[in-house]
N, C-alpha and C. Protein backbone atom coordinates (compact mmCIF):
# COMPACT_ATOMS: atom_id res chain seq x y z
N MET A 1 -131.94 110.22 -12.07
CA MET A 1 -131.51 109.56 -10.85
C MET A 1 -130.31 110.28 -10.30
N GLY A 2 -130.32 110.57 -9.02
CA GLY A 2 -129.22 111.34 -8.45
C GLY A 2 -127.94 110.47 -8.29
N ALA A 3 -126.86 111.18 -7.97
CA ALA A 3 -125.63 110.41 -7.79
C ALA A 3 -124.73 111.07 -6.87
N LEU A 4 -124.04 110.23 -5.97
CA LEU A 4 -123.03 110.68 -5.04
C LEU A 4 -121.71 110.20 -5.46
N ARG A 5 -120.79 111.13 -5.72
CA ARG A 5 -119.53 110.73 -6.31
C ARG A 5 -118.50 110.25 -5.28
N LYS A 6 -117.88 109.18 -5.58
CA LYS A 6 -116.77 108.66 -4.74
C LYS A 6 -115.53 108.47 -5.65
N HIS A 7 -114.33 108.56 -5.09
CA HIS A 7 -113.12 108.36 -5.90
C HIS A 7 -112.34 107.17 -5.43
N ARG A 8 -112.13 106.22 -6.36
CA ARG A 8 -111.34 105.12 -6.10
C ARG A 8 -110.42 104.85 -7.29
N SER A 9 -109.44 104.17 -7.18
CA SER A 9 -108.50 103.85 -8.27
C SER A 9 -108.67 102.28 -8.54
N MET A 10 -109.29 101.96 -9.69
CA MET A 10 -109.40 100.57 -10.06
C MET A 10 -109.66 100.48 -11.61
N THR A 11 -109.50 99.33 -12.19
CA THR A 11 -109.76 99.08 -13.50
C THR A 11 -111.22 98.72 -13.71
N MET A 12 -111.69 98.65 -14.87
CA MET A 12 -113.11 98.23 -15.20
C MET A 12 -113.38 96.83 -14.71
N ALA A 13 -112.41 95.88 -14.92
CA ALA A 13 -112.57 94.53 -14.44
C ALA A 13 -112.66 94.50 -12.89
N GLU A 14 -111.83 95.29 -12.30
CA GLU A 14 -111.80 95.34 -10.78
C GLU A 14 -113.17 95.94 -10.31
N PHE A 15 -113.59 96.92 -11.04
CA PHE A 15 -114.91 97.57 -10.63
C PHE A 15 -116.06 96.54 -10.75
N LEU A 16 -116.09 95.71 -11.76
CA LEU A 16 -117.12 94.74 -11.91
C LEU A 16 -117.16 93.79 -10.75
N VAL A 17 -116.00 93.33 -10.31
CA VAL A 17 -115.94 92.47 -9.12
C VAL A 17 -116.39 93.08 -7.84
N TRP A 18 -115.87 94.39 -7.69
CA TRP A 18 -116.21 95.14 -6.48
C TRP A 18 -117.72 95.51 -6.39
N GLU A 19 -118.28 95.89 -7.57
CA GLU A 19 -119.67 96.39 -7.53
C GLU A 19 -120.60 95.26 -7.28
N ASP A 20 -120.23 94.09 -7.71
CA ASP A 20 -121.09 92.81 -7.59
C ASP A 20 -121.19 92.59 -6.06
N ARG A 21 -120.38 93.01 -5.22
CA ARG A 21 -120.41 92.78 -3.82
C ARG A 21 -121.10 93.89 -3.06
N GLN A 22 -121.53 94.90 -3.66
CA GLN A 22 -122.20 96.03 -2.99
C GLN A 22 -123.73 95.87 -2.96
N ASP A 23 -124.25 96.49 -1.89
CA ASP A 23 -125.76 96.47 -1.74
C ASP A 23 -126.39 97.43 -2.69
N GLU A 24 -125.72 98.60 -3.06
CA GLU A 24 -126.21 99.59 -3.89
C GLU A 24 -125.56 99.52 -5.26
N ARG A 25 -126.26 100.14 -6.18
CA ARG A 25 -125.76 100.11 -7.56
C ARG A 25 -124.70 101.32 -7.69
N HIS A 26 -123.76 101.11 -8.56
CA HIS A 26 -122.72 102.13 -8.86
C HIS A 26 -122.43 102.15 -10.30
N GLU A 27 -122.03 103.38 -10.80
CA GLU A 27 -121.53 103.46 -12.14
C GLU A 27 -120.08 103.75 -12.14
N PHE A 28 -119.34 103.45 -13.21
CA PHE A 28 -117.86 103.63 -13.27
C PHE A 28 -117.61 104.56 -14.46
N ILE A 29 -117.38 105.82 -14.23
CA ILE A 29 -117.26 106.78 -15.31
C ILE A 29 -115.83 107.23 -15.46
N HIS A 30 -115.09 106.69 -16.41
CA HIS A 30 -113.69 106.98 -16.65
C HIS A 30 -112.87 106.99 -15.33
N GLY A 31 -113.00 105.95 -14.53
CA GLY A 31 -112.20 105.75 -13.38
C GLY A 31 -112.86 106.25 -12.14
N GLU A 32 -113.95 106.89 -12.25
CA GLU A 32 -114.66 107.49 -11.06
C GLU A 32 -115.86 106.68 -10.75
N ILE A 33 -116.03 106.31 -9.50
CA ILE A 33 -117.22 105.52 -9.05
C ILE A 33 -118.34 106.48 -8.61
N VAL A 34 -119.49 106.24 -9.14
CA VAL A 34 -120.65 107.09 -8.76
C VAL A 34 -121.76 106.16 -8.18
N ALA A 35 -122.15 106.44 -6.93
CA ALA A 35 -123.22 105.66 -6.21
C ALA A 35 -124.59 106.25 -6.74
N MET A 36 -125.43 105.41 -7.13
CA MET A 36 -126.75 105.73 -7.70
C MET A 36 -127.79 105.91 -6.58
N ASN A 37 -128.47 107.03 -6.62
CA ASN A 37 -129.52 107.32 -5.67
C ASN A 37 -130.81 107.06 -6.38
N GLY A 38 -131.95 107.01 -5.53
CA GLY A 38 -133.26 106.76 -6.10
C GLY A 38 -133.75 108.06 -6.92
N GLY A 39 -134.69 107.79 -7.88
CA GLY A 39 -135.22 108.84 -8.64
C GLY A 39 -136.53 109.35 -8.13
N THR A 40 -137.04 110.41 -8.82
CA THR A 40 -138.34 110.93 -8.46
C THR A 40 -139.52 110.04 -8.99
N VAL A 41 -140.71 110.38 -8.59
CA VAL A 41 -141.85 109.64 -9.08
C VAL A 41 -141.95 109.79 -10.63
N ALA A 42 -141.76 111.04 -11.07
CA ALA A 42 -141.84 111.28 -12.60
C ALA A 42 -140.77 110.52 -13.27
N HIS A 43 -139.52 110.48 -12.76
CA HIS A 43 -138.43 109.74 -13.33
C HIS A 43 -138.78 108.31 -13.56
N ASN A 44 -139.33 107.71 -12.46
CA ASN A 44 -139.66 106.22 -12.47
C ASN A 44 -140.82 105.96 -13.37
N GLN A 45 -141.80 106.88 -13.37
CA GLN A 45 -142.98 106.71 -14.24
C GLN A 45 -142.61 106.77 -15.74
N ILE A 46 -141.88 107.75 -16.09
CA ILE A 46 -141.38 107.97 -17.49
C ILE A 46 -140.58 106.73 -17.95
N SER A 47 -139.61 106.32 -17.12
CA SER A 47 -138.77 105.17 -17.45
C SER A 47 -139.70 103.90 -17.63
N GLY A 48 -140.66 103.70 -16.76
CA GLY A 48 -141.57 102.63 -16.80
C GLY A 48 -142.48 102.61 -18.06
N ASN A 49 -142.90 103.85 -18.43
CA ASN A 49 -143.73 104.00 -19.61
C ASN A 49 -142.97 103.59 -20.86
N LEU A 50 -141.68 104.12 -20.96
CA LEU A 50 -140.90 103.74 -22.16
C LEU A 50 -140.57 102.23 -22.14
N TYR A 51 -140.21 101.71 -21.04
CA TYR A 51 -139.94 100.21 -21.00
C TYR A 51 -141.18 99.48 -21.47
N THR A 52 -142.34 99.89 -20.89
CA THR A 52 -143.59 99.04 -21.24
C THR A 52 -143.87 99.20 -22.73
N ALA A 53 -143.75 100.42 -23.23
CA ALA A 53 -144.12 100.63 -24.71
C ALA A 53 -143.19 99.85 -25.62
N LEU A 54 -141.81 99.90 -25.30
CA LEU A 54 -140.75 99.31 -26.17
C LEU A 54 -140.98 97.74 -26.01
N ARG A 55 -141.19 97.20 -24.79
CA ARG A 55 -141.30 95.84 -24.66
C ARG A 55 -142.51 95.27 -25.39
N SER A 56 -143.64 95.97 -25.30
CA SER A 56 -144.85 95.56 -26.08
C SER A 56 -144.56 95.56 -27.58
N ALA A 57 -143.96 96.63 -28.02
CA ALA A 57 -143.70 96.77 -29.49
C ALA A 57 -142.75 95.67 -30.05
N LEU A 58 -141.75 95.22 -29.20
CA LEU A 58 -140.74 94.30 -29.58
C LEU A 58 -141.00 92.83 -29.27
N ARG A 59 -142.17 92.58 -28.65
CA ARG A 59 -142.50 91.26 -28.32
C ARG A 59 -142.53 90.39 -29.46
N GLY A 60 -141.83 89.25 -29.43
CA GLY A 60 -141.80 88.31 -30.53
C GLY A 60 -140.61 88.61 -31.51
N THR A 61 -139.78 89.56 -31.18
CA THR A 61 -138.54 89.89 -31.99
C THR A 61 -137.38 89.37 -31.23
N PRO A 62 -136.20 89.38 -31.73
CA PRO A 62 -134.93 88.95 -31.04
C PRO A 62 -134.52 90.08 -30.01
N CYS A 63 -135.12 91.25 -30.16
CA CYS A 63 -134.66 92.36 -29.29
C CYS A 63 -135.28 92.33 -27.96
N ARG A 64 -134.55 92.78 -26.90
CA ARG A 64 -134.99 92.70 -25.52
C ARG A 64 -134.76 94.12 -24.98
N VAL A 65 -135.69 94.47 -24.04
CA VAL A 65 -135.65 95.77 -23.38
C VAL A 65 -135.25 95.61 -21.87
N PHE A 66 -134.46 96.52 -21.42
CA PHE A 66 -133.97 96.40 -20.02
C PHE A 66 -134.15 97.80 -19.37
N GLN A 67 -134.45 97.82 -18.08
CA GLN A 67 -134.65 99.05 -17.29
C GLN A 67 -133.90 99.09 -16.03
N GLU A 68 -132.92 99.98 -16.01
CA GLU A 68 -132.21 100.42 -14.78
C GLU A 68 -131.28 99.38 -14.17
N ASN A 69 -131.62 98.10 -14.09
CA ASN A 69 -130.84 97.14 -13.28
C ASN A 69 -129.80 96.48 -14.13
N MET A 70 -129.76 96.60 -15.39
CA MET A 70 -128.80 95.95 -16.28
C MET A 70 -127.76 96.97 -16.77
N LYS A 71 -126.47 96.68 -16.71
CA LYS A 71 -125.52 97.54 -17.03
C LYS A 71 -124.82 97.30 -18.40
N ILE A 72 -124.18 98.35 -18.87
CA ILE A 72 -123.49 98.15 -20.26
C ILE A 72 -122.08 98.78 -20.08
N ALA A 73 -121.17 98.48 -20.96
CA ALA A 73 -119.89 99.04 -21.04
C ALA A 73 -119.75 99.98 -22.25
N ALA A 74 -119.21 101.20 -22.05
CA ALA A 74 -119.06 102.09 -23.19
C ALA A 74 -117.91 103.05 -22.87
N ASP A 75 -116.95 103.13 -23.74
CA ASP A 75 -115.82 104.08 -23.71
C ASP A 75 -115.15 104.10 -22.28
N ASP A 76 -114.69 102.91 -21.88
CA ASP A 76 -114.04 102.83 -20.52
C ASP A 76 -114.89 103.15 -19.36
N SER A 77 -116.24 103.02 -19.55
CA SER A 77 -117.09 103.23 -18.47
C SER A 77 -118.16 102.17 -18.34
N ILE A 78 -118.75 102.01 -17.23
CA ILE A 78 -119.74 100.94 -16.99
C ILE A 78 -120.93 101.70 -16.39
N VAL A 79 -122.07 101.67 -17.01
CA VAL A 79 -123.26 102.49 -16.57
C VAL A 79 -124.49 101.64 -16.61
N TYR A 80 -125.51 102.22 -15.91
CA TYR A 80 -126.87 101.61 -15.90
C TYR A 80 -127.78 102.55 -16.60
N PRO A 81 -128.05 102.42 -17.91
CA PRO A 81 -128.98 103.28 -18.58
C PRO A 81 -130.41 103.15 -17.96
N ASP A 82 -131.18 104.19 -18.07
CA ASP A 82 -132.53 104.07 -17.56
C ASP A 82 -133.31 102.97 -18.32
N VAL A 83 -133.23 103.01 -19.59
CA VAL A 83 -133.85 102.02 -20.49
C VAL A 83 -132.97 101.80 -21.72
N PHE A 84 -132.79 100.57 -22.06
CA PHE A 84 -132.07 100.35 -23.36
C PHE A 84 -132.56 99.02 -24.05
N VAL A 85 -132.32 98.96 -25.31
CA VAL A 85 -132.68 97.81 -26.13
C VAL A 85 -131.43 97.25 -26.72
N THR A 86 -131.32 95.92 -26.64
CA THR A 86 -130.27 95.17 -27.35
C THR A 86 -130.91 94.00 -28.10
N CYS A 87 -130.39 93.78 -29.31
CA CYS A 87 -130.84 92.65 -30.13
C CYS A 87 -129.76 91.57 -30.11
N ALA A 88 -128.72 91.68 -29.31
CA ALA A 88 -127.66 90.75 -29.17
C ALA A 88 -128.19 89.54 -28.31
N ARG A 89 -127.60 88.38 -28.55
CA ARG A 89 -127.99 87.24 -27.71
C ARG A 89 -127.41 87.35 -26.34
N LEU A 90 -128.17 87.07 -25.30
CA LEU A 90 -127.77 87.11 -23.90
C LEU A 90 -128.19 85.86 -23.17
N ASN A 91 -127.35 85.53 -22.16
CA ASN A 91 -127.71 84.44 -21.32
C ASN A 91 -128.47 84.95 -20.09
N ASP A 92 -129.24 84.18 -19.50
CA ASP A 92 -130.07 84.58 -18.38
C ASP A 92 -129.26 85.09 -17.17
N GLN A 93 -128.03 84.55 -17.06
CA GLN A 93 -127.19 84.91 -15.87
C GLN A 93 -126.20 86.07 -16.22
N ASP A 94 -126.28 86.59 -17.35
CA ASP A 94 -125.34 87.75 -17.70
C ASP A 94 -125.71 88.93 -16.83
N ARG A 95 -124.63 89.65 -16.51
CA ARG A 95 -124.82 90.88 -15.71
C ARG A 95 -124.44 92.09 -16.51
N LEU A 96 -123.81 91.93 -17.62
CA LEU A 96 -123.41 92.98 -18.48
C LEU A 96 -123.94 92.76 -19.83
N ALA A 97 -124.87 93.72 -20.35
CA ALA A 97 -125.43 93.52 -21.70
C ALA A 97 -124.46 94.01 -22.74
N THR A 98 -124.64 93.46 -23.86
CA THR A 98 -123.67 93.93 -25.00
C THR A 98 -124.45 94.50 -26.16
N GLU A 99 -123.89 95.20 -27.01
CA GLU A 99 -124.32 95.75 -28.25
C GLU A 99 -125.71 96.38 -28.16
N PRO A 100 -125.88 97.38 -27.17
CA PRO A 100 -127.11 98.12 -27.20
C PRO A 100 -127.45 98.86 -28.59
N THR A 101 -128.69 98.79 -28.99
CA THR A 101 -129.17 99.32 -30.21
C THR A 101 -129.72 100.73 -29.93
N VAL A 102 -130.44 100.84 -28.86
CA VAL A 102 -131.11 102.16 -28.44
C VAL A 102 -130.84 102.27 -26.97
N ILE A 103 -130.48 103.53 -26.55
CA ILE A 103 -130.33 103.82 -25.11
C ILE A 103 -131.13 105.00 -24.78
N VAL A 104 -131.86 105.03 -23.69
CA VAL A 104 -132.61 106.11 -23.20
C VAL A 104 -132.21 106.51 -21.80
N GLU A 105 -131.99 107.84 -21.53
CA GLU A 105 -131.77 108.36 -20.27
C GLU A 105 -132.83 109.40 -19.93
N VAL A 106 -133.36 109.37 -18.76
CA VAL A 106 -134.32 110.31 -18.28
C VAL A 106 -133.62 111.33 -17.39
N LEU A 107 -133.62 112.59 -17.69
CA LEU A 107 -132.84 113.66 -17.05
C LEU A 107 -133.21 113.80 -15.59
N SER A 108 -132.24 113.92 -14.73
CA SER A 108 -132.45 114.37 -13.38
C SER A 108 -131.56 115.69 -13.04
N ASP A 109 -131.90 116.31 -12.11
CA ASP A 109 -131.16 117.59 -11.90
C ASP A 109 -129.66 117.32 -11.65
N SER A 110 -129.36 116.21 -10.94
CA SER A 110 -127.98 115.84 -10.63
C SER A 110 -127.24 115.20 -11.76
N THR A 111 -127.95 114.67 -12.75
CA THR A 111 -127.25 113.89 -13.81
C THR A 111 -127.40 114.55 -15.24
N ALA A 112 -128.15 115.65 -15.30
CA ALA A 112 -128.42 116.19 -16.65
C ALA A 112 -127.11 116.51 -17.45
N SER A 113 -126.20 117.14 -16.82
CA SER A 113 -124.95 117.43 -17.46
C SER A 113 -124.17 116.13 -17.95
N ARG A 114 -124.11 115.23 -17.08
CA ARG A 114 -123.39 114.00 -17.42
C ARG A 114 -124.14 113.24 -18.57
N ASP A 115 -125.49 113.14 -18.48
CA ASP A 115 -126.26 112.57 -19.57
C ASP A 115 -126.06 113.17 -20.89
N ARG A 116 -126.04 114.52 -20.94
CA ARG A 116 -126.00 115.24 -22.18
C ARG A 116 -124.58 115.32 -22.77
N LEU A 117 -123.61 115.26 -21.90
CA LEU A 117 -122.19 115.36 -22.35
C LEU A 117 -121.45 114.15 -22.25
N VAL A 118 -121.11 113.66 -21.08
CA VAL A 118 -120.27 112.55 -20.91
C VAL A 118 -120.83 111.23 -21.46
N LYS A 119 -122.05 110.97 -21.13
CA LYS A 119 -122.71 109.68 -21.60
C LYS A 119 -123.04 109.75 -23.04
N ASN A 120 -123.35 111.00 -23.53
CA ASN A 120 -123.65 111.14 -24.99
C ASN A 120 -122.45 110.72 -25.80
N THR A 121 -121.25 111.28 -25.29
CA THR A 121 -119.94 110.95 -26.04
C THR A 121 -119.70 109.49 -25.97
N ALA A 122 -119.80 109.00 -24.70
CA ALA A 122 -119.45 107.50 -24.49
C ALA A 122 -120.36 106.59 -25.35
N TYR A 123 -121.65 106.83 -25.29
CA TYR A 123 -122.60 105.97 -26.02
C TYR A 123 -122.29 106.00 -27.52
N ARG A 124 -121.97 107.16 -28.01
CA ARG A 124 -121.82 107.22 -29.51
C ARG A 124 -120.51 106.56 -30.00
N THR A 125 -119.70 106.07 -29.06
CA THR A 125 -118.50 105.21 -29.54
C THR A 125 -118.95 103.76 -29.73
N LEU A 126 -120.12 103.39 -29.36
CA LEU A 126 -120.58 102.01 -29.55
C LEU A 126 -121.00 101.74 -30.90
N PRO A 127 -120.35 100.83 -31.65
CA PRO A 127 -120.73 100.56 -33.09
C PRO A 127 -122.22 100.13 -33.25
N SER A 128 -122.70 99.39 -32.22
CA SER A 128 -124.06 98.91 -32.31
C SER A 128 -125.21 99.97 -32.09
N LEU A 129 -124.83 101.12 -31.53
CA LEU A 129 -125.83 102.11 -31.19
C LEU A 129 -126.32 102.83 -32.40
N THR A 130 -127.61 102.83 -32.51
CA THR A 130 -128.31 103.58 -33.63
C THR A 130 -129.00 104.86 -33.15
N GLN A 131 -129.33 104.93 -31.86
CA GLN A 131 -129.98 106.13 -31.34
C GLN A 131 -129.87 106.28 -29.84
N TYR A 132 -129.62 107.51 -29.42
CA TYR A 132 -129.54 107.87 -28.04
C TYR A 132 -130.64 108.85 -27.72
N VAL A 133 -131.57 108.57 -26.78
CA VAL A 133 -132.69 109.35 -26.41
C VAL A 133 -132.58 109.95 -25.06
N ILE A 134 -132.78 111.27 -24.93
CA ILE A 134 -132.73 111.97 -23.66
C ILE A 134 -134.11 112.52 -23.34
N VAL A 135 -134.73 112.10 -22.30
CA VAL A 135 -136.04 112.54 -21.96
C VAL A 135 -136.05 113.48 -20.77
N ASN A 136 -136.62 114.68 -20.93
CA ASN A 136 -136.79 115.73 -19.91
C ASN A 136 -137.98 115.27 -18.98
N GLN A 137 -137.78 115.29 -17.63
CA GLN A 137 -138.87 114.97 -16.85
C GLN A 137 -139.64 116.19 -16.28
N ARG A 138 -139.01 117.42 -16.50
CA ARG A 138 -139.69 118.64 -15.95
C ARG A 138 -140.63 119.24 -16.98
N VAL A 139 -140.26 119.11 -18.31
CA VAL A 139 -141.12 119.55 -19.38
C VAL A 139 -141.19 118.49 -20.34
N ALA A 140 -142.32 118.35 -21.15
CA ALA A 140 -142.43 117.34 -22.15
C ALA A 140 -141.67 117.64 -23.38
N ALA A 141 -140.38 117.22 -23.31
CA ALA A 141 -139.42 117.41 -24.44
C ALA A 141 -138.44 116.23 -24.52
N VAL A 142 -138.37 115.63 -25.67
CA VAL A 142 -137.44 114.48 -25.87
C VAL A 142 -136.43 114.81 -26.96
N GLU A 143 -135.20 114.69 -26.66
CA GLU A 143 -134.09 114.79 -27.54
C GLU A 143 -133.65 113.49 -28.06
N SER A 144 -133.31 113.44 -29.29
CA SER A 144 -132.83 112.14 -29.93
C SER A 144 -131.62 112.43 -30.76
N VAL A 145 -130.61 111.61 -30.60
CA VAL A 145 -129.40 111.63 -31.49
C VAL A 145 -129.33 110.33 -32.20
N ARG A 146 -129.61 110.38 -33.51
CA ARG A 146 -129.73 109.12 -34.25
C ARG A 146 -128.64 109.01 -35.29
N ARG A 147 -128.02 107.87 -35.42
CA ARG A 147 -126.94 107.66 -36.43
C ARG A 147 -127.49 107.64 -37.86
N GLU A 148 -126.84 108.39 -38.78
CA GLU A 148 -127.17 108.32 -40.15
C GLU A 148 -125.82 108.33 -40.89
N GLY A 149 -125.40 107.10 -41.19
CA GLY A 149 -124.09 106.99 -41.85
C GLY A 149 -123.01 107.37 -40.90
N ALA A 150 -122.13 108.25 -41.36
CA ALA A 150 -121.02 108.80 -40.57
C ALA A 150 -121.49 109.94 -39.68
N ASN A 151 -122.64 110.40 -39.73
CA ASN A 151 -123.16 111.50 -39.04
C ASN A 151 -124.21 111.12 -38.04
N TRP A 152 -124.48 112.12 -37.14
CA TRP A 152 -125.59 111.91 -36.15
C TRP A 152 -126.64 113.04 -36.38
N LEU A 153 -127.93 112.60 -36.40
CA LEU A 153 -129.03 113.54 -36.63
C LEU A 153 -129.59 113.84 -35.29
N HIS A 154 -129.63 115.15 -34.90
CA HIS A 154 -130.15 115.56 -33.60
C HIS A 154 -131.60 116.10 -33.80
N GLU A 155 -132.54 115.61 -32.99
CA GLU A 155 -133.92 116.02 -33.16
C GLU A 155 -134.44 116.33 -31.73
N VAL A 156 -135.39 117.31 -31.71
CA VAL A 156 -136.12 117.56 -30.44
C VAL A 156 -137.60 117.44 -30.75
N VAL A 157 -138.30 116.63 -29.91
CA VAL A 157 -139.69 116.41 -30.18
C VAL A 157 -140.50 116.92 -28.90
N THR A 158 -141.48 117.81 -29.22
CA THR A 158 -142.32 118.37 -28.15
C THR A 158 -143.79 118.27 -28.57
N GLY A 159 -144.62 118.78 -27.70
CA GLY A 159 -146.09 118.84 -28.01
C GLY A 159 -146.86 117.56 -27.77
N GLU A 160 -148.14 117.82 -27.42
CA GLU A 160 -148.98 116.59 -27.09
C GLU A 160 -149.13 115.62 -28.28
N GLN A 161 -148.93 116.10 -29.53
CA GLN A 161 -149.01 115.29 -30.68
C GLN A 161 -147.69 114.75 -31.14
N GLY A 162 -146.62 115.09 -30.34
CA GLY A 162 -145.25 114.64 -30.77
C GLY A 162 -145.10 113.19 -30.63
N VAL A 163 -144.18 112.69 -31.48
CA VAL A 163 -143.88 111.22 -31.51
C VAL A 163 -142.39 111.00 -31.58
N LEU A 164 -141.94 110.14 -30.67
CA LEU A 164 -140.48 109.67 -30.76
C LEU A 164 -140.43 108.55 -31.78
N ARG A 165 -139.69 108.78 -32.82
CA ARG A 165 -139.53 107.71 -33.84
C ARG A 165 -138.21 107.00 -33.69
N ILE A 166 -138.20 105.69 -33.68
CA ILE A 166 -137.05 104.83 -33.58
C ILE A 166 -136.96 103.91 -34.83
N PRO A 167 -136.41 104.44 -35.87
CA PRO A 167 -136.42 103.72 -37.14
C PRO A 167 -135.73 102.42 -37.06
N ALA A 168 -134.63 102.25 -36.36
CA ALA A 168 -133.91 100.99 -36.37
C ALA A 168 -134.76 99.83 -35.80
N LEU A 169 -135.70 100.16 -34.95
CA LEU A 169 -136.57 99.21 -34.27
C LEU A 169 -137.97 99.09 -34.91
N GLY A 170 -138.21 100.08 -35.86
CA GLY A 170 -139.59 100.19 -36.44
C GLY A 170 -140.61 100.51 -35.37
N VAL A 171 -140.31 101.34 -34.45
CA VAL A 171 -141.15 101.67 -33.35
C VAL A 171 -141.29 103.12 -33.25
N ASP A 172 -142.61 103.61 -33.05
CA ASP A 172 -142.90 104.96 -32.76
C ASP A 172 -143.60 105.07 -31.37
N VAL A 173 -143.14 106.00 -30.51
CA VAL A 173 -143.74 106.09 -29.21
C VAL A 173 -144.28 107.55 -29.00
N PRO A 174 -145.59 107.76 -28.95
CA PRO A 174 -146.11 109.09 -28.70
C PRO A 174 -145.59 109.70 -27.37
N LEU A 175 -145.44 111.05 -27.39
CA LEU A 175 -145.04 111.68 -26.14
C LEU A 175 -146.18 111.58 -25.11
N SER A 176 -147.34 111.44 -25.54
CA SER A 176 -148.51 111.26 -24.60
C SER A 176 -148.41 109.92 -23.87
N VAL A 177 -147.71 108.96 -24.46
CA VAL A 177 -147.49 107.64 -23.80
C VAL A 177 -146.24 107.77 -22.82
N ILE A 178 -145.26 108.44 -23.36
CA ILE A 178 -143.98 108.63 -22.55
C ILE A 178 -144.33 109.33 -21.17
N TYR A 179 -145.20 110.38 -21.24
CA TYR A 179 -145.43 111.21 -20.09
C TYR A 179 -146.83 110.78 -19.45
N GLU A 180 -147.37 109.69 -19.72
CA GLU A 180 -148.62 109.26 -19.14
C GLU A 180 -148.50 109.02 -17.59
N ASP A 181 -149.50 109.54 -16.91
CA ASP A 181 -149.56 109.45 -15.44
C ASP A 181 -148.56 110.36 -14.77
N THR A 182 -148.02 111.38 -15.38
CA THR A 182 -147.18 112.39 -14.78
C THR A 182 -147.80 113.65 -14.82
N GLU A 183 -147.25 114.64 -14.08
CA GLU A 183 -147.78 116.03 -14.12
C GLU A 183 -146.87 116.89 -15.02
N THR A 184 -146.04 116.25 -15.83
CA THR A 184 -145.14 117.02 -16.69
C THR A 184 -145.85 117.88 -17.71
N PRO A 185 -145.61 119.20 -17.72
CA PRO A 185 -146.37 120.01 -18.64
C PRO A 185 -145.96 119.90 -20.10
N PHE A 186 -146.99 119.97 -20.99
CA PHE A 186 -146.67 120.00 -22.40
C PHE A 186 -146.43 121.42 -22.92
N ASP A 187 -146.94 122.34 -22.06
CA ASP A 187 -146.77 123.82 -22.52
C ASP A 187 -145.45 124.25 -22.06
N LEU A 188 -144.46 124.45 -22.97
CA LEU A 188 -143.12 124.79 -22.59
C LEU A 188 -142.91 126.26 -22.51
N GLU A 189 -143.78 127.13 -22.89
CA GLU A 189 -143.62 128.53 -22.91
C GLU A 189 -143.39 129.07 -21.58
N GLY A 190 -142.30 129.77 -21.43
CA GLY A 190 -141.94 130.49 -20.23
C GLY A 190 -141.22 129.64 -19.22
N LEU A 191 -140.98 128.36 -19.56
CA LEU A 191 -140.29 127.42 -18.63
C LEU A 191 -138.79 127.37 -18.91
N ASP A 192 -137.96 127.37 -17.91
CA ASP A 192 -136.48 127.43 -18.08
C ASP A 192 -135.96 126.13 -18.73
N ASP A 193 -136.69 125.06 -18.52
CA ASP A 193 -136.20 123.80 -18.99
C ASP A 193 -136.60 123.54 -20.45
N SER A 194 -137.28 124.44 -21.06
CA SER A 194 -137.66 124.20 -22.47
C SER A 194 -136.41 124.25 -23.36
N PRO A 195 -136.51 123.38 -24.37
CA PRO A 195 -135.24 123.24 -25.22
C PRO A 195 -135.09 124.44 -26.09
N ASP A 196 -133.89 124.79 -26.53
CA ASP A 196 -133.59 125.95 -27.32
C ASP A 196 -134.32 125.88 -28.69
N GLU A 197 -134.55 124.63 -29.15
CA GLU A 197 -135.11 124.50 -30.49
C GLU A 197 -136.59 124.92 -30.58
N GLY A 198 -137.26 125.11 -29.40
CA GLY A 198 -138.64 125.66 -29.47
C GLY A 198 -139.71 124.59 -29.17
N ALA A 199 -140.84 124.96 -28.85
CA ALA A 199 -141.88 124.10 -28.47
C ALA A 199 -142.79 123.70 -29.58
N GLU A 200 -143.67 122.68 -29.35
CA GLU A 200 -144.65 122.23 -30.29
C GLU A 200 -144.10 121.97 -31.70
N ALA A 201 -142.96 121.36 -31.86
CA ALA A 201 -142.31 121.13 -33.11
C ALA A 201 -141.22 120.01 -32.98
N THR A 202 -140.94 119.56 -34.14
CA THR A 202 -139.79 118.61 -34.26
C THR A 202 -138.74 119.32 -35.16
N GLU A 203 -137.57 119.47 -34.63
CA GLU A 203 -136.50 120.07 -35.42
C GLU A 203 -135.31 119.08 -35.47
N ALA A 204 -134.71 119.06 -36.64
CA ALA A 204 -133.64 118.09 -36.77
C ALA A 204 -132.41 118.78 -37.34
N ARG A 205 -131.24 118.37 -36.95
CA ARG A 205 -129.97 118.94 -37.50
C ARG A 205 -128.93 117.83 -37.46
N HIS A 206 -127.96 117.92 -38.36
CA HIS A 206 -126.90 116.97 -38.37
C HIS A 206 -125.73 117.45 -37.54
N THR A 207 -125.11 116.47 -36.80
CA THR A 207 -123.94 116.79 -36.03
C THR A 207 -122.88 115.73 -36.38
N PRO A 208 -121.61 116.06 -36.27
CA PRO A 208 -120.55 115.15 -36.56
C PRO A 208 -120.50 114.07 -35.51
């Protein structure tokens, strides 16, 4: 999802009041207001596929899945993740979800750097978070940063037989489901957006 940056000086509390009066959605990134633009067909399809898969898998549990229109607070920022799961109790009229367990962002050209760096850092400050998932929409590659004790395990999943595993929820989502009804290629060879870790494999490494 693209973003048009605006600069204003306000606190998080002031932003929540201001944003509630706007016709468009905005994020608040360390004091900077970012107006959210619409995403591509692939972006919306991938987000919808993940939302549907997670909601189906978690039906009957205390956990709830949200897509795009529910915001969370993390590290002095207020953002709208593409998809996230929280197992915390919420009221129907809440506008800010708490204690996300899993967060998913689908990369866009205009947000890729922020998703991989700024949001990655912010999300990992949340004590409730067990896994942050970054989904590439140009090639079939899913990155996962999963909490393991005091460390974070970084994994890259690719290939038509690849599976995104979410142990904290007891859920596995095949890449074939994540990219269903899109033209996103599974063959990463020769494509600039292919991950450094390589195609057709799952690689894991620990990061602090």
